Amino acid sequence: DITTGKPIPGAVFDIWQASANGKYDF
């Protein structure tokens, strides 16, 4: 939290990336 510096339990971290060939799954 930027206002308190305290951690935010339960926040959801969604990640996606291309593979080493530069392409996404679909």
mmCIF file of all heavy atoms, coordinates in Angstrom:
data_MODEL
# 
_entry.id   MODEL 
# 
loop_
_atom_site.group_PDB 
_atom_site.id 
_atom_site.type_symbol 
_atom_site.label_atom_id 
_atom_site.label_alt_id 
_atom_site.label_comp_id 
_atom_site.label_asym_id 
_atom_site.label_entity_id 
_atom_site.label_seq_id 
_atom_site.pdbx_PDB_ins_code 
_atom_site.Cartn_x 
_atom_site.Cartn_y 
_atom_site.Cartn_z 
_atom_site.occupancy 
_atom_site.B_iso_or_equiv 
_atom_site.pdbx_formal_charge 
_atom_site.auth_seq_id 
_atom_site.auth_comp_id 
_atom_site.auth_asym_id 
_atom_site.auth_atom_id 
_atom_site.pdbx_PDB_model_num 
ATOM 1   N N   . ASP A 1 1  ? 0.862  -1.182  0.000   1.00 0.00 ? 1  ASP A N   1 
ATOM 2   C CA  . ASP A 1 1  ? 0.000  0.000   0.000   1.00 0.00 ? 1  ASP A CA  1 
ATOM 3   C C   . ASP A 1 1  ? 0.900  1.234   0.000   1.00 0.00 ? 1  ASP A C   1 
ATOM 4   O O   . ASP A 1 1  ? 1.750  1.389   0.888   1.00 0.00 ? 1  ASP A O   1 
ATOM 5   C CB  . ASP A 1 1  ? -0.875 -0.048  1.254   1.00 0.00 ? 1  ASP A CB  1 
ATOM 6   C CG  . ASP A 1 1  ? -1.816 1.132   1.396   1.00 0.00 ? 1  ASP A CG  1 
ATOM 7   O OD1 . ASP A 1 1  ? -1.611 2.173   0.742   1.00 0.00 ? 1  ASP A OD1 1 
ATOM 8   O OD2 . ASP A 1 1  ? -2.761 1.022   2.216   1.00 0.00 ? 1  ASP A OD2 1 
ATOM 9   N N   . ILE A 1 2  ? 0.732  2.139   -0.983  1.00 0.00 ? 2  ILE A N   1 
ATOM 10  C CA  . ILE A 1 2  ? 1.634  3.296   -1.045  1.00 0.00 ? 2  ILE A CA  1 
ATOM 11  C C   . ILE A 1 2  ? 1.416  4.274   0.105   1.00 0.00 ? 2  ILE A C   1 
ATOM 12  O O   . ILE A 1 2  ? 2.309  5.061   0.427   1.00 0.00 ? 2  ILE A O   1 
ATOM 13  C CB  . ILE A 1 2  ? 1.501  4.058   -2.384  1.00 0.00 ? 2  ILE A CB  1 
ATOM 14  C CG1 . ILE A 1 2  ? 0.121  4.725   -2.517  1.00 0.00 ? 2  ILE A CG1 1 
ATOM 15  C CG2 . ILE A 1 2  ? 1.803  3.162   -3.560  1.00 0.00 ? 2  ILE A CG2 1 
ATOM 16  C CD1 . ILE A 1 2  ? 0.058  5.758   -3.610  1.00 0.00 ? 2  ILE A CD1 1 
ATOM 17  N N   . THR A 1 3  ? 0.247  4.254   0.723   1.00 0.00 ? 3  THR A N   1 
ATOM 18  C CA  . THR A 1 3  ? -0.032 5.230   1.784   1.00 0.00 ? 3  THR A CA  1 
ATOM 19  C C   . THR A 1 3  ? 0.505  4.792   3.138   1.00 0.00 ? 3  THR A C   1 
ATOM 20  O O   . THR A 1 3  ? 0.762  5.627   3.999   1.00 0.00 ? 3  THR A O   1 
ATOM 21  C CB  . THR A 1 3  ? -1.547 5.484   1.904   1.00 0.00 ? 3  THR A CB  1 
ATOM 22  O OG1 . THR A 1 3  ? -2.218 4.272   2.239   1.00 0.00 ? 3  THR A OG1 1 
ATOM 23  C CG2 . THR A 1 3  ? -2.097 6.028   0.594   1.00 0.00 ? 3  THR A CG2 1 
ATOM 24  N N   . THR A 1 4  ? 0.683  3.496   3.327   1.00 0.00 ? 4  THR A N   1 
ATOM 25  C CA  . THR A 1 4  ? 1.142  2.984   4.627   1.00 0.00 ? 4  THR A CA  1 
ATOM 26  C C   . THR A 1 4  ? 2.441  2.210   4.541   1.00 0.00 ? 4  THR A C   1 
ATOM 27  O O   . THR A 1 4  ? 3.126  2.023   5.548   1.00 0.00 ? 4  THR A O   1 
ATOM 28  C CB  . THR A 1 4  ? 0.084  2.060   5.249   1.00 0.00 ? 4  THR A CB  1 
ATOM 29  O OG1 . THR A 1 4  ? -0.063 0.890   4.427   1.00 0.00 ? 4  THR A OG1 1 
ATOM 30  C CG2 . THR A 1 4  ? -1.254 2.772   5.373   1.00 0.00 ? 4  THR A CG2 1 
ATOM 31  N N   . GLY A 1 5  ? 2.786  1.756   3.341   1.00 0.00 ? 5  GLY A N   1 
ATOM 32  C CA  . GLY A 1 5  ? 3.942  0.893   3.179   1.00 0.00 ? 5  GLY A CA  1 
ATOM 33  C C   . GLY A 1 5  ? 3.691  -0.533  3.623   1.00 0.00 ? 5  GLY A C   1 
ATOM 34  O O   . GLY A 1 5  ? 4.593  -1.379  3.558   1.00 0.00 ? 5  GLY A O   1 
ATOM 35  N N   . LYS A 1 6  ? 2.469  -0.827  4.065   1.00 0.00 ? 6  LYS A N   1 
ATOM 36  C CA  . LYS A 1 6  ? 2.168  -2.160  4.562   1.00 0.00 ? 6  LYS A CA  1 
ATOM 37  C C   . LYS A 1 6  ? 1.817  -3.111  3.409   1.00 0.00 ? 6  LYS A C   1 
ATOM 38  O O   . LYS A 1 6  ? 1.342  -2.676  2.360   1.00 0.00 ? 6  LYS A O   1 
ATOM 39  C CB  . LYS A 1 6  ? 1.003  -2.095  5.549   1.00 0.00 ? 6  LYS A CB  1 
ATOM 40  C CG  . LYS A 1 6  ? 1.327  -1.339  6.826   1.00 0.00 ? 6  LYS A CG  1 
ATOM 41  C CD  . LYS A 1 6  ? 0.128  -1.335  7.779   1.00 0.00 ? 6  LYS A CD  1 
ATOM 42  C CE  . LYS A 1 6  ? 0.457  -0.596  9.082   1.00 0.00 ? 6  LYS A CE  1 
ATOM 43  N NZ  . LYS A 1 6  ? -0.703 -0.588  10.012  1.00 0.00 ? 6  LYS A NZ  1 
ATOM 44  N N   . PRO A 1 7  ? 2.064  -4.399  3.616   1.00 0.00 ? 7  PRO A N   1 
ATOM 45  C CA  . PRO A 1 7  ? 1.731  -5.373  2.576   1.00 0.00 ? 7  PRO A CA  1 
ATOM 46  C C   . PRO A 1 7  ? 0.227  -5.485  2.364   1.00 0.00 ? 7  PRO A C   1 
ATOM 47  O O   . PRO A 1 7  ? -0.571 -5.120  3.236   1.00 0.00 ? 7  PRO A O   1 
ATOM 48  C CB  . PRO A 1 7  ? 2.314  -6.683  3.112   1.00 0.00 ? 7  PRO A CB  1 
ATOM 49  C CG  . PRO A 1 7  ? 2.387  -6.497  4.586   1.00 0.00 ? 7  PRO A CG  1 
ATOM 50  C CD  . PRO A 1 7  ? 2.675  -5.032  4.801   1.00 0.00 ? 7  PRO A CD  1 
ATOM 51  N N   . ILE A 1 8  ? -0.146 -6.000  1.208   1.00 0.00 ? 8  ILE A N   1 
ATOM 52  C CA  . ILE A 1 8  ? -1.553 -6.180  0.854   1.00 0.00 ? 8  ILE A CA  1 
ATOM 53  C C   . ILE A 1 8  ? -1.828 -7.675  0.717   1.00 0.00 ? 8  ILE A C   1 
ATOM 54  O O   . ILE A 1 8  ? -1.640 -8.266  -0.357  1.00 0.00 ? 8  ILE A O   1 
ATOM 55  C CB  . ILE A 1 8  ? -1.904 -5.451  -0.455  1.00 0.00 ? 8  ILE A CB  1 
ATOM 56  C CG1 . ILE A 1 8  ? -1.535 -3.969  -0.360  1.00 0.00 ? 8  ILE A CG1 1 
ATOM 57  C CG2 . ILE A 1 8  ? -3.388 -5.608  -0.772  1.00 0.00 ? 8  ILE A CG2 1 
ATOM 58  C CD1 . ILE A 1 8  ? -1.732 -3.205  -1.656  1.00 0.00 ? 8  ILE A CD1 1 
ATOM 59  N N   . PRO A 1 9  ? -2.250 -8.336  1.790   1.00 0.00 ? 9  PRO A N   1 
ATOM 60  C CA  . PRO A 1 9  ? -2.552 -9.770  1.715   1.00 0.00 ? 9  PRO A CA  1 
ATOM 61  C C   . PRO A 1 9  ? -3.703 -10.028 0.733   1.00 0.00 ? 9  PRO A C   1 
ATOM 62  O O   . PRO A 1 9  ? -4.641 -9.241  0.631   1.00 0.00 ? 9  PRO A O   1 
ATOM 63  C CB  . PRO A 1 9  ? -2.972 -10.129 3.145   1.00 0.00 ? 9  PRO A CB  1 
ATOM 64  C CG  . PRO A 1 9  ? -2.432 -9.021  4.001   1.00 0.00 ? 9  PRO A CG  1 
ATOM 65  C CD  . PRO A 1 9  ? -2.462 -7.798  3.151   1.00 0.00 ? 9  PRO A CD  1 
ATOM 66  N N   . GLY A 1 10 ? -3.621 -11.122 0.017   1.00 0.00 ? 10 GLY A N   1 
ATOM 67  C CA  . GLY A 1 10 ? -4.706 -11.521 -0.863  1.00 0.00 ? 10 GLY A CA  1 
ATOM 68  C C   . GLY A 1 10 ? -4.738 -10.833 -2.205  1.00 0.00 ? 10 GLY A C   1 
ATOM 69  O O   . GLY A 1 10 ? -5.627 -11.124 -3.014  1.00 0.00 ? 10 GLY A O   1 
ATOM 70  N N   . ALA A 1 11 ? -3.800 -9.907  -2.478  1.00 0.00 ? 11 ALA A N   1 
ATOM 71  C CA  . ALA A 1 11 ? -3.757 -9.291  -3.804  1.00 0.00 ? 11 ALA A CA  1 
ATOM 72  C C   . ALA A 1 11 ? -3.514 -10.371 -4.858  1.00 0.00 ? 11 ALA A C   1 
ATOM 73  O O   . ALA A 1 11 ? -2.791 -11.343 -4.621  1.00 0.00 ? 11 ALA A O   1 
ATOM 74  C CB  . ALA A 1 11 ? -2.662 -8.232  -3.857  1.00 0.00 ? 11 ALA A CB  1 
ATOM 75  N N   . VAL A 1 12 ? -4.122 -10.198 -6.024  1.00 0.00 ? 12 VAL A N   1 
ATOM 76  C CA  . VAL A 1 12 ? -3.982 -11.180 -7.097  1.00 0.00 ? 12 VAL A CA  1 
ATOM 77  C C   . VAL A 1 12 ? -2.969 -10.678 -8.117  1.00 0.00 ? 12 VAL A C   1 
ATOM 78  O O   . VAL A 1 12 ? -3.079 -9.566  -8.629  1.00 0.00 ? 12 VAL A O   1 
ATOM 79  C CB  . VAL A 1 12 ? -5.333 -11.453 -7.782  1.00 0.00 ? 12 VAL A CB  1 
ATOM 80  C CG1 . VAL A 1 12 ? -5.149 -12.364 -9.001  1.00 0.00 ? 12 VAL A CG1 1 
ATOM 81  C CG2 . VAL A 1 12 ? -6.304 -12.092 -6.791  1.00 0.00 ? 12 VAL A CG2 1 
ATOM 82  N N   . PHE A 1 13 ? -1.987 -11.524 -8.389  1.00 0.00 ? 13 PHE A N   1 
ATOM 83  C CA  . PHE A 1 13 ? -0.913 -11.220 -9.337  1.00 0.00 ? 13 PHE A CA  1 
ATOM 84  C C   . PHE A 1 13 ? -1.138 -12.084 -10.577 1.00 0.00 ? 13 PHE A C   1 
ATOM 85  O O   . PHE A 1 13 ? -0.965 -13.292 -10.547 1.00 0.00 ? 13 PHE A O   1 
ATOM 86  C CB  . PHE A 1 13 ? 0.436  -11.538 -8.690  1.00 0.00 ? 13 PHE A CB  1 
ATOM 87  C CG  . PHE A 1 13 ? 1.630  -10.978 -9.401  1.00 0.00 ? 13 PHE A CG  1 
ATOM 88  C CD1 . PHE A 1 13 ? 2.322  -9.889  -8.882  1.00 0.00 ? 13 PHE A CD1 1 
ATOM 89  C CD2 . PHE A 1 13 ? 2.083  -11.535 -10.590 1.00 0.00 ? 13 PHE A CD2 1 
ATOM 90  C CE1 . PHE A 1 13 ? 3.437  -9.379  -9.531  1.00 0.00 ? 13 PHE A CE1 1 
ATOM 91  C CE2 . PHE A 1 13 ? 3.193  -11.028 -11.240 1.00 0.00 ? 13 PHE A CE2 1 
ATOM 92  C CZ  . PHE A 1 13 ? 3.876  -9.940  -10.708 1.00 0.00 ? 13 PHE A CZ  1 
ATOM 93  N N   . ASP A 1 14 ? -1.563 -11.448 -11.666 1.00 0.00 ? 14 ASP A N   1 
ATOM 94  C CA  . ASP A 1 14 ? -1.868 -12.119 -12.932 1.00 0.00 ? 14 ASP A CA  1 
ATOM 95  C C   . ASP A 1 14 ? -0.701 -11.869 -13.880 1.00 0.00 ? 14 ASP A C   1 
ATOM 96  O O   . ASP A 1 14 ? -0.324 -10.723 -14.124 1.00 0.00 ? 14 ASP A O   1 
ATOM 97  C CB  . ASP A 1 14 ? -3.168 -11.536 -13.494 1.00 0.00 ? 14 ASP A CB  1 
ATOM 98  C CG  . ASP A 1 14 ? -3.680 -12.255 -14.740 1.00 0.00 ? 14 ASP A CG  1 
ATOM 99  O OD1 . ASP A 1 14 ? -2.965 -13.112 -15.285 1.00 0.00 ? 14 ASP A OD1 1 
ATOM 100 O OD2 . ASP A 1 14 ? -4.808 -11.938 -15.166 1.00 0.00 ? 14 ASP A OD2 1 
ATOM 101 N N   . ILE A 1 15 ? -0.101 -12.929 -14.412 1.00 0.00 ? 15 ILE A N   1 
ATOM 102 C CA  . ILE A 1 15 ? 1.054  -12.796 -15.304 1.00 0.00 ? 15 ILE A CA  1 
ATOM 103 C C   . ILE A 1 15 ? 0.787  -13.529 -16.609 1.00 0.00 ? 15 ILE A C   1 
ATOM 104 O O   . ILE A 1 15 ? 0.156  -14.597 -16.627 1.00 0.00 ? 15 ILE A O   1 
ATOM 105 C CB  . ILE A 1 15 ? 2.339  -13.358 -14.634 1.00 0.00 ? 15 ILE A CB  1 
ATOM 106 C CG1 . ILE A 1 15 ? 3.511  -13.349 -15.636 1.00 0.00 ? 15 ILE A CG1 1 
ATOM 107 C CG2 . ILE A 1 15 ? 2.115  -14.737 -14.044 1.00 0.00 ? 15 ILE A CG2 1 
ATOM 108 C CD1 . ILE A 1 15 ? 4.837  -13.776 -15.065 1.00 0.00 ? 15 ILE A CD1 1 
ATOM 109 N N   . TRP A 1 16 ? 1.267  -12.962 -17.723 1.00 0.00 ? 16 TRP A N   1 
ATOM 110 C CA  . TRP A 1 16 ? 1.258  -13.659 -19.003 1.00 0.00 ? 16 TRP A CA  1 
ATOM 111 C C   . TRP A 1 16 ? 2.454  -13.197 -19.812 1.00 0.00 ? 16 TRP A C   1 
ATOM 112 O O   . TRP A 1 16 ? 2.929  -12.070 -19.675 1.00 0.00 ? 16 TRP A O   1 
ATOM 113 C CB  . TRP A 1 16 ? -0.052 -13.460 -19.755 1.00 0.00 ? 16 TRP A CB  1 
ATOM 114 C CG  . TRP A 1 16 ? -0.405 -12.071 -20.208 1.00 0.00 ? 16 TRP A CG  1 
ATOM 115 C CD1 . TRP A 1 16 ? -0.318 -11.561 -21.475 1.00 0.00 ? 16 TRP A CD1 1 
ATOM 116 C CD2 . TRP A 1 16 ? -0.956 -11.001 -19.414 1.00 0.00 ? 16 TRP A CD2 1 
ATOM 117 N NE1 . TRP A 1 16 ? -0.763 -10.263 -21.520 1.00 0.00 ? 16 TRP A NE1 1 
ATOM 118 C CE2 . TRP A 1 16 ? -1.167 -9.898  -20.269 1.00 0.00 ? 16 TRP A CE2 1 
ATOM 119 C CE3 . TRP A 1 16 ? -1.272 -10.876 -18.059 1.00 0.00 ? 16 TRP A CE3 1 
ATOM 120 C CZ2 . TRP A 1 16 ? -1.680 -8.684  -19.807 1.00 0.00 ? 16 TRP A CZ2 1 
ATOM 121 C CZ3 . TRP A 1 16 ? -1.785 -9.663  -17.605 1.00 0.00 ? 16 TRP A CZ3 1 
ATOM 122 C CH2 . TRP A 1 16 ? -1.987 -8.584  -18.473 1.00 0.00 ? 16 TRP A CH2 1 
ATOM 123 N N   . GLN A 1 17 ? 2.989  -14.088 -20.623 1.00 0.00 ? 17 GLN A N   1 
ATOM 124 C CA  . GLN A 1 17 ? 4.168  -13.756 -21.410 1.00 0.00 ? 17 GLN A CA  1 
ATOM 125 C C   . GLN A 1 17 ? 4.247  -14.638 -22.647 1.00 0.00 ? 17 GLN A C   1 
ATOM 126 O O   . GLN A 1 17 ? 3.615  -15.698 -22.731 1.00 0.00 ? 17 GLN A O   1 
ATOM 127 C CB  . GLN A 1 17 ? 5.441  -13.919 -20.577 1.00 0.00 ? 17 GLN A CB  1 
ATOM 128 C CG  . GLN A 1 17 ? 5.723  -15.331 -20.131 1.00 0.00 ? 17 GLN A CG  1 
ATOM 129 C CD  . GLN A 1 17 ? 7.041  -15.454 -19.377 1.00 0.00 ? 17 GLN A CD  1 
ATOM 130 O OE1 . GLN A 1 17 ? 7.175  -16.318 -18.527 1.00 0.00 ? 17 GLN A OE1 1 
ATOM 131 N NE2 . GLN A 1 17 ? 8.020  -14.629 -19.669 1.00 0.00 ? 17 GLN A NE2 1 
ATOM 132 N N   . ALA A 1 18 ? 5.041  -14.177 -23.619 1.00 0.00 ? 18 ALA A N   1 
ATOM 133 C CA  . ALA A 1 18 ? 5.318  -14.980 -24.807 1.00 0.00 ? 18 ALA A CA  1 
ATOM 134 C C   . ALA A 1 18 ? 6.366  -16.028 -24.466 1.00 0.00 ? 18 ALA A C   1 
ATOM 135 O O   . ALA A 1 18 ? 7.162  -15.874 -23.535 1.00 0.00 ? 18 ALA A O   1 
ATOM 136 C CB  . ALA A 1 18 ? 5.809  -14.083 -25.940 1.00 0.00 ? 18 ALA A CB  1 
ATOM 137 N N   . SER A 1 19 ? 6.380  -17.094 -25.247 1.00 0.00 ? 19 SER A N   1 
ATOM 138 C CA  . SER A 1 19 ? 7.393  -18.126 -25.079 1.00 0.00 ? 19 SER A CA  1 
ATOM 139 C C   . SER A 1 19 ? 8.711  -17.668 -25.698 1.00 0.00 ? 19 SER A C   1 
ATOM 140 O O   . SER A 1 19 ? 8.825  -16.561 -26.234 1.00 0.00 ? 19 SER A O   1 
ATOM 141 C CB  . SER A 1 19 ? 6.919  -19.436 -25.714 1.00 0.00 ? 19 SER A CB  1 
ATOM 142 O OG  . SER A 1 19 ? 7.780  -20.505 -25.377 1.00 0.00 ? 19 SER A OG  1 
ATOM 143 N N   . ALA A 1 20 ? 9.708  -18.541 -25.631 1.00 0.00 ? 20 ALA A N   1 
ATOM 144 C CA  . ALA A 1 20 ? 11.038 -18.173 -26.129 1.00 0.00 ? 20 ALA A CA  1 
ATOM 145 C C   . ALA A 1 20 ? 11.066 -17.969 -27.636 1.00 0.00 ? 20 ALA A C   1 
ATOM 146 O O   . ALA A 1 20 ? 12.012 -17.395 -28.166 1.00 0.00 ? 20 ALA A O   1 
ATOM 147 C CB  . ALA A 1 20 ? 12.052 -19.250 -25.725 1.00 0.00 ? 20 ALA A CB  1 
ATOM 148 N N   . ASN A 1 21 ? 10.012 -18.437 -28.327 1.00 0.00 ? 21 ASN A N   1 
ATOM 149 C CA  . ASN A 1 21 ? 9.922  -18.184 -29.774 1.00 0.00 ? 21 ASN A CA  1 
ATOM 150 C C   . ASN A 1 21 ? 9.202  -16.883 -30.097 1.00 0.00 ? 21 ASN A C   1 
ATOM 151 O O   . ASN A 1 21 ? 8.944  -16.590 -31.267 1.00 0.00 ? 21 ASN A O   1 
ATOM 152 C CB  . ASN A 1 21 ? 9.253  -19.363 -30.477 1.00 0.00 ? 21 ASN A CB  1 
ATOM 153 C CG  . ASN A 1 21 ? 7.815  -19.582 -30.041 1.00 0.00 ? 21 ASN A CG  1 
ATOM 154 O OD1 . ASN A 1 21 ? 7.284  -18.848 -29.205 1.00 0.00 ? 21 ASN A OD1 1 
ATOM 155 N ND2 . ASN A 1 21 ? 7.176  -20.606 -30.597 1.00 0.00 ? 21 ASN A ND2 1 
ATOM 156 N N   . GLY A 1 22 ? 8.845  -16.113 -29.063 1.00 0.00 ? 22 GLY A N   1 
ATOM 157 C CA  . GLY A 1 22 ? 8.197  -14.827 -29.269 1.00 0.00 ? 22 GLY A CA  1 
ATOM 158 C C   . GLY A 1 22 ? 6.701  -14.898 -29.499 1.00 0.00 ? 22 GLY A C   1 
ATOM 159 O O   . GLY A 1 22 ? 6.086  -13.899 -29.864 1.00 0.00 ? 22 GLY A O   1 
ATOM 160 N N   . LYS A 1 23 ? 6.090  -16.062 -29.246 1.00 0.00 ? 23 LYS A N   1 
ATOM 161 C CA  . LYS A 1 23 ? 4.657  -16.225 -29.498 1.00 0.00 ? 23 LYS A CA  1 
ATOM 162 C C   . LYS A 1 23 ? 3.913  -16.567 -28.215 1.00 0.00 ? 23 LYS A C   1 
ATOM 163 O O   . LYS A 1 23 ? 4.424  -17.302 -27.362 1.00 0.00 ? 23 LYS A O   1 
ATOM 164 C CB  . LYS A 1 23 ? 4.424  -17.324 -30.542 1.00 0.00 ? 23 LYS A CB  1 
ATOM 165 C CG  . LYS A 1 23 ? 4.975  -16.985 -31.916 1.00 0.00 ? 23 LYS A CG  1 
ATOM 166 C CD  . LYS A 1 23 ? 4.676  -18.092 -32.914 1.00 0.00 ? 23 LYS A CD  1 
ATOM 167 C CE  . LYS A 1 23 ? 5.200  -17.745 -34.308 1.00 0.00 ? 23 LYS A CE  1 
ATOM 168 N NZ  . LYS A 1 23 ? 4.913  -18.823 -35.286 1.00 0.00 ? 23 LYS A NZ  1 
ATOM 169 N N   . TYR A 1 24 ? 2.683  -16.036 -28.122 1.00 0.00 ? 24 TYR A N   1 
ATOM 170 C CA  . TYR A 1 24 ? 1.800  -16.363 -27.014 1.00 0.00 ? 24 TYR A CA  1 
ATOM 171 C C   . TYR A 1 24 ? 1.044  -17.662 -27.332 1.00 0.00 ? 24 TYR A C   1 
ATOM 172 O O   . TYR A 1 24 ? 0.990  -18.092 -28.488 1.00 0.00 ? 24 TYR A O   1 
ATOM 173 C CB  . TYR A 1 24 ? 0.820  -15.225 -26.763 1.00 0.00 ? 24 TYR A CB  1 
ATOM 174 C CG  . TYR A 1 24 ? 1.493  -13.961 -26.259 1.00 0.00 ? 24 TYR A CG  1 
ATOM 175 C CD1 . TYR A 1 24 ? 2.083  -13.060 -27.145 1.00 0.00 ? 24 TYR A CD1 1 
ATOM 176 C CD2 . TYR A 1 24 ? 1.552  -13.673 -24.902 1.00 0.00 ? 24 TYR A CD2 1 
ATOM 177 C CE1 . TYR A 1 24 ? 2.708  -11.900 -26.690 1.00 0.00 ? 24 TYR A CE1 1 
ATOM 178 C CE2 . TYR A 1 24 ? 2.172  -12.518 -24.431 1.00 0.00 ? 24 TYR A CE2 1 
ATOM 179 C CZ  . TYR A 1 24 ? 2.750  -11.635 -25.332 1.00 0.00 ? 24 TYR A CZ  1 
ATOM 180 O OH  . TYR A 1 24 ? 3.365  -10.507 -24.875 1.00 0.00 ? 24 TYR A OH  1 
ATOM 181 N N   . ASP A 1 25 ? 0.432  -18.242 -26.294 1.00 0.00 ? 25 ASP A N   1 
ATOM 182 C CA  . ASP A 1 25 ? -0.162 -19.572 -26.436 1.00 0.00 ? 25 ASP A CA  1 
ATOM 183 C C   . ASP A 1 25 ? -1.102 -19.693 -27.630 1.00 0.00 ? 25 ASP A C   1 
ATOM 184 O O   . ASP A 1 25 ? -0.975 -20.617 -28.449 1.00 0.00 ? 25 ASP A O   1 
ATOM 185 C CB  . ASP A 1 25 ? -0.846 -20.011 -25.132 1.00 0.00 ? 25 ASP A CB  1 
ATOM 186 C CG  . ASP A 1 25 ? -1.880 -19.004 -24.614 1.00 0.00 ? 25 ASP A CG  1 
ATOM 187 O OD1 . ASP A 1 25 ? -1.995 -17.892 -25.188 1.00 0.00 ? 25 ASP A OD1 1 
ATOM 188 O OD2 . ASP A 1 25 ? -2.577 -19.336 -23.637 1.00 0.00 ? 25 ASP A OD2 1 
ATOM 189 N N   . PHE A 1 26 ? -2.053 -18.759 -27.775 1.00 0.00 ? 26 PHE A N   1 
ATOM 190 C CA  . PHE A 1 26 ? -3.046 -18.935 -28.841 1.00 0.00 ? 26 PHE A CA  1 
ATOM 191 C C   . PHE A 1 26 ? -2.516 -18.566 -30.219 1.00 0.00 ? 26 PHE A C   1 
ATOM 192 O O   . PHE A 1 26 ? -3.181 -18.822 -31.225 1.00 0.00 ? 26 PHE A O   1 
ATOM 193 C CB  . PHE A 1 26 ? -4.348 -18.186 -28.540 1.00 0.00 ? 26 PHE A CB  1 
ATOM 194 C CG  . PHE A 1 26 ? -4.231 -16.704 -28.374 1.00 0.00 ? 26 PHE A CG  1 
ATOM 195 C CD1 . PHE A 1 26 ? -4.081 -15.867 -29.449 1.00 0.00 ? 26 PHE A CD1 1 
ATOM 196 C CD2 . PHE A 1 26 ? -4.288 -16.138 -27.104 1.00 0.00 ? 26 PHE A CD2 1 
ATOM 197 C CE1 . PHE A 1 26 ? -3.998 -14.494 -29.301 1.00 0.00 ? 26 PHE A CE1 1 
ATOM 198 C CE2 . PHE A 1 26 ? -4.197 -14.766 -26.939 1.00 0.00 ? 26 PHE A CE2 1 
ATOM 199 C CZ  . PHE A 1 26 ? -4.045 -13.944 -28.038 1.00 0.00 ? 26 PHE A CZ  1 
# 
